[in-house]
Amino acid sequence: MRFTNWLIRALDKASKFGTLVGAALCFAMMAVLTIDVILRATFNTAIYGAIELAVFALVLMAFFAQAEAFTAGRHITVDFFIQRAPAPVKTVIEFVTLTISLGIMVLMSIATMLSGLETIEEGEISFTLQLPVGYFKLAAGVGLILLTLAMLRRWLGLLVGARDGSGPPR
């Protein structure tokens, strides 16, 4: 039980770290685009590759922030099928769907990381800035791993709650 609680706390910290990275990427994206717009308006010049950098930052921001959104319950859910179900039924349905989702996320995380490694090996580069795309894929894979860990945290919470009768923690 102590190990499970320790693991849950560690997973919470991992998702908060992802949010911090996402926030830094959001700030960087806004700063680059703001400076680019100012340079365009005042000096009729632009930051080379600003749009490409913003796109990479936006994608990575979303990947890194999704774990905390899931942990905090601020993600999109479709729960109208079970709204009127009794609490134990809701818990069972959530456990089953979360188990399936967790399996899918593990596979997606592995596939994204392998794709990133393959892209690095092939030497694929971005269009404008000629940046190695594989490293961005690896970073996206890390974001998926953070989401997988957040889902694992919830899954463990449901499992522990069912085992000791206290119900699922949120």
Protein backbone atom coordinates (compact mmCIF):
# COMPACT_ATOMS: atom_id res chain seq x y z
CA MET A 1 0.00 0.00 0.00
CA ARG A 2 2.81 2.43 0.83
CA PHE A 3 4.51 1.73 -2.50
CA THR A 4 1.25 2.35 -4.37
CA ASN A 5 0.72 5.68 -2.59
CA TRP A 6 4.34 6.66 -3.29
CA LEU A 7 3.89 5.73 -6.94
CA ILE A 8 0.68 7.75 -7.20
CA ARG A 9 2.44 10.82 -5.75
CA ALA A 10 5.37 10.35 -8.15
CA LEU A 11 2.98 10.11 -11.11
CA ASP A 12 1.22 13.31 -9.98
CA LYS A 13 4.60 15.08 -9.93
CA ALA A 14 5.37 13.78 -13.43
CA SER A 15 2.12 15.20 -14.82
CA LYS A 16 2.79 18.55 -13.11
CA PHE A 17 6.26 18.56 -14.70
CA GLY A 18 4.63 18.04 -18.10
CA THR A 19 2.40 21.03 -17.48
CA LEU A 20 5.42 23.13 -16.56
CA VAL A 21 7.14 22.13 -19.82
CA GLY A 22 3.91 22.87 -21.73
CA ALA A 23 3.66 26.29 -20.12
CA ALA A 24 7.29 27.08 -21.00
CA LEU A 25 6.64 26.04 -24.61
CA CYS A 26 3.50 28.20 -24.71
CA PHE A 27 5.46 31.20 -23.46
CA ALA A 28 8.27 30.55 -25.95
CA MET A 29 5.79 30.23 -28.80
CA MET A 30 4.06 33.48 -27.87
CA ALA A 31 7.38 35.31 -27.43
CA VAL A 32 8.73 34.22 -30.83
CA LEU A 33 5.48 35.10 -32.61
CA THR A 34 5.15 38.45 -30.82
CA ILE A 35 8.71 39.44 -31.72
CA ASP A 36 8.11 38.23 -35.28
CA VAL A 37 4.98 40.37 -35.63
CA ILE A 38 6.76 43.42 -34.20
CA LEU A 39 9.69 42.95 -36.58
CA ARG A 40 7.33 42.56 -39.52
CA ALA A 41 5.38 45.69 -38.58
CA THR A 42 8.32 47.94 -37.76
CA PHE A 43 11.24 46.74 -39.91
CA ASN A 44 9.45 44.79 -42.64
CA THR A 45 11.48 41.67 -41.78
CA ALA A 46 10.70 38.42 -40.03
CA ILE A 47 12.32 35.86 -37.79
CA TYR A 48 13.43 33.07 -40.08
CA GLY A 49 11.42 29.94 -39.23
CA ALA A 50 9.21 31.57 -36.60
CA ILE A 51 6.07 29.85 -37.85
CA GLU A 52 7.78 26.46 -37.93
CA LEU A 53 9.06 26.96 -34.37
CA ALA A 54 5.59 28.00 -33.24
CA VAL A 55 4.03 24.90 -34.79
CA PHE A 56 6.55 22.61 -33.10
CA ALA A 57 6.02 24.39 -29.77
CA LEU A 58 2.23 24.22 -30.09
CA VAL A 59 2.24 20.49 -30.79
CA LEU A 60 4.67 19.72 -27.99
CA MET A 61 2.77 21.99 -25.60
CA ALA A 62 -0.38 19.97 -26.20
CA PHE A 63 1.43 16.66 -25.72
CA PHE A 64 3.06 17.76 -22.47
CA ALA A 65 -0.02 19.43 -20.96
CA GLN A 66 -2.46 16.58 -21.58
CA ALA A 67 -1.28 14.52 -18.59
CA GLU A 68 -2.19 17.23 -16.08
CA ALA A 69 -5.47 17.91 -17.88
CA PHE A 70 -6.33 14.22 -17.47
CA THR A 71 -5.20 14.14 -13.82
CA ALA A 72 -7.19 17.26 -12.94
CA GLY A 73 -10.29 16.04 -14.81
CA ARG A 74 -10.16 18.95 -17.26
CA HIS A 75 -10.21 16.82 -20.38
CA ILE A 76 -13.12 16.09 -22.69
CA THR A 77 -15.18 13.07 -21.74
CA VAL A 78 -18.29 11.49 -23.15
CA ASP A 79 -20.13 10.21 -20.15
CA PHE A 80 -23.80 10.66 -21.05
CA PHE A 81 -24.12 6.86 -21.29
CA ILE A 82 -23.37 6.36 -17.62
CA GLN A 83 -24.65 9.56 -15.99
CA ARG A 84 -27.59 7.80 -14.31
CA ALA A 85 -25.73 4.62 -13.39
CA PRO A 86 -25.09 3.84 -9.72
CA ALA A 87 -21.62 4.72 -8.38
CA PRO A 88 -20.31 1.11 -8.34
CA VAL A 89 -21.32 0.64 -11.98
CA LYS A 90 -19.63 3.91 -12.95
CA THR A 91 -16.44 2.77 -11.23
CA VAL A 92 -16.47 -0.58 -13.03
CA ILE A 93 -17.10 1.08 -16.40
CA GLU A 94 -14.34 3.62 -15.77
CA PHE A 95 -11.95 0.85 -14.73
CA VAL A 96 -12.69 -1.20 -17.86
CA THR A 97 -12.47 1.74 -20.27
CA LEU A 98 -9.35 3.05 -18.53
CA THR A 99 -7.72 -0.38 -18.80
CA ILE A 100 -8.40 -0.45 -22.55
CA SER A 101 -7.26 3.17 -22.95
CA LEU A 102 -4.12 2.49 -20.95
CA GLY A 103 -3.23 -0.39 -23.25
CA ILE A 104 -3.76 1.78 -26.31
CA MET A 105 -1.67 4.61 -24.84
CA VAL A 106 1.20 2.24 -24.06
CA LEU A 107 1.17 1.08 -27.69
CA MET A 108 0.96 4.67 -28.99
CA SER A 109 3.82 5.76 -26.73
CA ILE A 110 6.02 2.92 -27.94
CA ALA A 111 5.12 3.55 -31.58
CA THR A 112 5.83 7.29 -31.29
CA MET A 113 9.18 6.74 -29.60
CA LEU A 114 10.19 4.12 -32.19
CA SER A 115 9.07 6.43 -34.99
CA GLY A 116 11.19 9.22 -33.50
CA LEU A 117 14.24 6.96 -33.33
CA GLU A 118 13.64 5.80 -36.90
CA THR A 119 13.26 9.38 -38.11
CA ILE A 120 16.53 10.33 -36.40
CA GLU A 121 18.25 7.39 -38.04
CA GLU A 122 16.88 8.39 -41.46
CA GLY A 123 17.99 11.99 -40.90
CA GLU A 124 14.62 13.59 -41.71
CA ILE A 125 14.72 17.36 -41.26
CA SER A 126 12.11 20.09 -41.13
CA PHE A 127 11.37 22.25 -44.14
CA THR A 128 12.41 25.76 -43.16
CA LEU A 129 14.87 25.49 -40.30
CA GLN A 130 16.29 22.09 -41.27
CA LEU A 131 15.76 20.83 -37.69
CA PRO A 132 15.91 17.07 -37.04
CA VAL A 133 12.23 16.06 -36.83
CA GLY A 134 12.96 12.86 -34.93
CA TYR A 135 13.78 14.72 -31.73
CA PHE A 136 10.39 16.44 -31.83
CA LYS A 137 8.75 13.04 -32.28
CA LEU A 138 10.69 11.76 -29.26
CA ALA A 139 9.51 14.77 -27.24
CA ALA A 140 5.93 14.06 -28.32
CA GLY A 141 6.51 10.46 -27.21
CA VAL A 142 7.58 11.72 -23.79
CA GLY A 143 4.32 13.68 -23.61
CA LEU A 144 2.39 10.50 -24.45
CA ILE A 145 4.33 8.65 -21.77
CA LEU A 146 3.36 11.33 -19.25
CA LEU A 147 -0.30 10.90 -20.23
CA THR A 148 0.08 7.12 -19.93
CA LEU A 149 1.54 7.59 -16.45
CA ALA A 150 -1.34 9.90 -15.49
CA MET A 151 -3.78 7.24 -16.69
CA LEU A 152 -1.84 4.62 -14.74
CA ARG A 153 -2.14 6.82 -11.65
CA ARG A 154 -5.92 6.94 -12.02
CA TRP A 155 -6.05 3.18 -12.76
CA LEU A 156 -4.05 2.45 -9.60
CA GLY A 157 -6.33 4.78 -7.65
CA LEU A 158 -9.37 2.85 -8.84
CA LEU A 159 -7.68 -0.43 -8.03
CA VAL A 160 -6.63 0.65 -4.52
CA GLY A 161 -10.06 2.18 -3.86
CA ALA A 162 -11.80 -1.02 -4.91
CA ARG A 163 -9.47 -3.11 -2.79
CA ASP A 164 -9.86 -1.18 0.46
CA GLY A 165 -13.52 -0.22 -0.08
CA SER A 166 -12.91 3.51 0.08
CA GLY A 167 -13.93 4.10 -3.51
CA PRO A 168 -11.98 5.77 -6.28
CA PRO A 169 -9.83 8.79 -5.41
CA ARG A 170 -9.82 11.78 -7.76
